[in-house]
Amino acid sequence: MTSSISSSDSLAALAQVIESRLPARGGDPEQSYVARLLRQGPDAFLKKIGEEATEVVMAAKDADHGGDKSRVVLEVADLWFHCMIALAHYGLTPADVVAELDRRAGTSGIEEKALRKVLAREGASQ
């Protein structure tokens, strides 16, 4: 099934829903899983991110051994969703992540990692 809505539109729409669940926006923890996680604070949603990341790894390992590859998609969706909750908590959006990926486009991953190490060393020496 092909959608006329782009991936970035879908992420932006989901981000708006998540943002509407922020405690400052009146999100009701009795009515919304997102509002409940946000009310519980970073430890709650960060724990979920860790759990979901582990589930992605397990689904991928299963897929490598004949398991259902669609489980990888389902688990990555869960991971992205919980990461989007973290983004909203910190006042960030999926567009911020996309901008960072765009910035990295055309740069070798090895070069990018080396640059981050240099910048971290420079920051530590100041």
Protein backbone atom coordinates (compact mmCIF):
# COMPACT_ATOMS: atom_id res chain seq x y z
CA MET A 1 0.00 0.00 0.00
CA THR A 2 1.50 3.30 -1.08
CA SER A 3 0.65 6.46 0.78
CA SER A 4 0.52 9.95 -0.65
CA ILE A 5 1.90 11.21 2.65
CA SER A 6 5.69 11.36 2.81
CA SER A 7 7.67 9.73 5.58
CA SER A 8 8.70 13.13 6.93
CA ASP A 9 5.03 14.21 6.96
CA SER A 10 4.11 11.08 8.91
CA LEU A 11 6.90 11.68 11.41
CA ALA A 12 5.95 15.36 11.74
CA ALA A 13 2.30 14.44 12.34
CA LEU A 14 3.25 11.88 14.98
CA ALA A 15 5.62 14.40 16.58
CA GLN A 16 2.73 16.88 16.85
CA VAL A 17 0.57 14.28 18.58
CA ILE A 18 3.39 13.43 20.99
CA GLU A 19 4.03 17.13 21.67
CA SER A 20 0.34 17.59 22.47
CA ARG A 21 0.77 15.00 25.21
CA LEU A 22 3.50 16.96 27.01
CA PRO A 23 2.51 17.80 30.60
CA ALA A 24 2.92 21.52 29.82
CA ARG A 25 0.36 21.09 27.02
CA GLY A 26 -2.15 19.37 29.28
CA GLY A 27 -1.39 15.78 28.38
CA ASP A 28 -3.51 13.51 30.57
CA PRO A 29 -1.56 10.53 31.97
CA GLU A 30 -4.86 8.75 32.65
CA GLN A 31 -5.78 8.91 28.96
CA SER A 32 -2.43 8.74 27.18
CA TYR A 33 0.50 6.35 27.34
CA VAL A 34 2.77 9.13 26.03
CA ALA A 35 1.58 11.58 28.70
CA ARG A 36 2.15 8.89 31.34
CA LEU A 37 5.74 8.28 30.19
CA LEU A 38 6.42 12.01 30.01
CA ARG A 39 4.98 12.60 33.48
CA GLN A 40 7.19 9.82 34.87
CA GLY A 41 10.20 11.65 33.46
CA PRO A 42 13.28 10.74 31.47
CA ASP A 43 14.06 7.55 33.37
CA ALA A 44 10.77 6.04 32.18
CA PHE A 45 11.08 6.80 28.48
CA LEU A 46 14.84 6.21 28.40
CA LYS A 47 14.28 2.77 29.92
CA LYS A 48 11.74 2.08 27.15
CA ILE A 49 14.26 3.18 24.52
CA GLY A 50 16.77 0.70 25.92
CA GLU A 51 14.18 -2.09 25.95
CA GLU A 52 13.07 -1.33 22.41
CA ALA A 53 16.66 -1.18 21.13
CA THR A 54 17.24 -4.63 22.62
CA GLU A 55 14.08 -5.90 20.94
CA VAL A 56 15.35 -4.56 17.58
CA VAL A 57 18.58 -6.51 18.06
CA MET A 58 16.70 -9.67 19.01
CA ALA A 59 14.33 -9.36 16.03
CA ALA A 60 17.27 -8.83 13.67
CA LYS A 61 19.11 -11.84 15.10
CA ASP A 62 15.96 -13.93 14.68
CA ALA A 63 15.60 -12.71 11.09
CA ASP A 64 19.19 -13.81 10.43
CA HIS A 65 18.15 -17.32 11.43
CA GLY A 66 14.96 -17.63 9.40
CA GLY A 67 12.67 -15.56 11.60
CA ASP A 68 10.06 -13.13 10.37
CA LYS A 69 11.83 -10.03 9.00
CA SER A 70 8.69 -7.95 9.50
CA ARG A 71 9.38 -8.15 13.25
CA VAL A 72 12.42 -5.93 12.63
CA VAL A 73 10.15 -3.24 11.19
CA LEU A 74 7.71 -3.55 14.10
CA GLU A 75 10.47 -3.25 16.68
CA VAL A 76 12.18 -0.35 14.90
CA ALA A 77 8.81 1.43 14.81
CA ASP A 78 8.55 0.98 18.58
CA LEU A 79 12.10 2.26 19.02
CA TRP A 80 11.52 5.31 16.83
CA PHE A 81 8.28 6.07 18.64
CA HIS A 82 9.96 6.08 22.04
CA CYS A 83 12.89 8.11 20.67
CA MET A 84 10.34 10.66 19.43
CA ILE A 85 9.00 10.92 22.99
CA ALA A 86 12.53 11.74 24.13
CA LEU A 87 12.89 14.33 21.35
CA ALA A 88 9.64 16.01 22.42
CA HIS A 89 10.73 16.04 26.06
CA TYR A 90 13.92 17.86 25.09
CA GLY A 91 12.15 20.31 22.77
CA LEU A 92 13.45 18.64 19.61
CA THR A 93 11.73 17.19 16.53
CA PRO A 94 12.31 14.52 13.90
CA ALA A 95 13.22 17.40 11.56
CA ASP A 96 16.22 18.10 13.81
CA VAL A 97 17.37 14.50 13.35
CA VAL A 98 16.79 14.64 9.60
CA ALA A 99 18.81 17.88 9.44
CA GLU A 100 21.68 16.14 11.22
CA LEU A 101 21.51 13.20 8.82
CA ASP A 102 21.46 15.64 5.90
CA ARG A 103 24.51 17.37 7.35
CA ARG A 104 26.32 14.03 7.45
CA ALA A 105 25.34 13.03 3.90
CA GLY A 106 28.38 12.45 1.75
CA THR A 107 30.66 12.13 4.76
CA SER A 108 32.28 8.81 5.47
CA GLY A 109 31.11 7.27 8.73
CA ILE A 110 34.76 6.74 9.62
CA GLU A 111 35.50 10.43 9.00
CA GLU A 112 32.42 11.50 10.97
CA LYS A 113 33.42 9.40 13.98
CA ALA A 114 37.01 10.68 13.85
CA LEU A 115 35.77 14.29 13.70
CA ARG A 116 33.54 13.75 16.74
CA LYS A 117 36.54 12.42 18.67
CA VAL A 118 38.62 15.46 17.73
CA LEU A 119 35.83 17.83 18.72
CA ALA A 120 35.35 16.00 22.03
CA ARG A 121 39.07 16.28 22.80
CA GLU A 122 39.07 19.98 21.92
CA GLY A 123 36.02 20.53 24.13
CA ALA A 124 37.66 18.70 27.03
CA SER A 125 40.86 20.72 26.78
CA GLN A 126 39.06 24.07 27.04
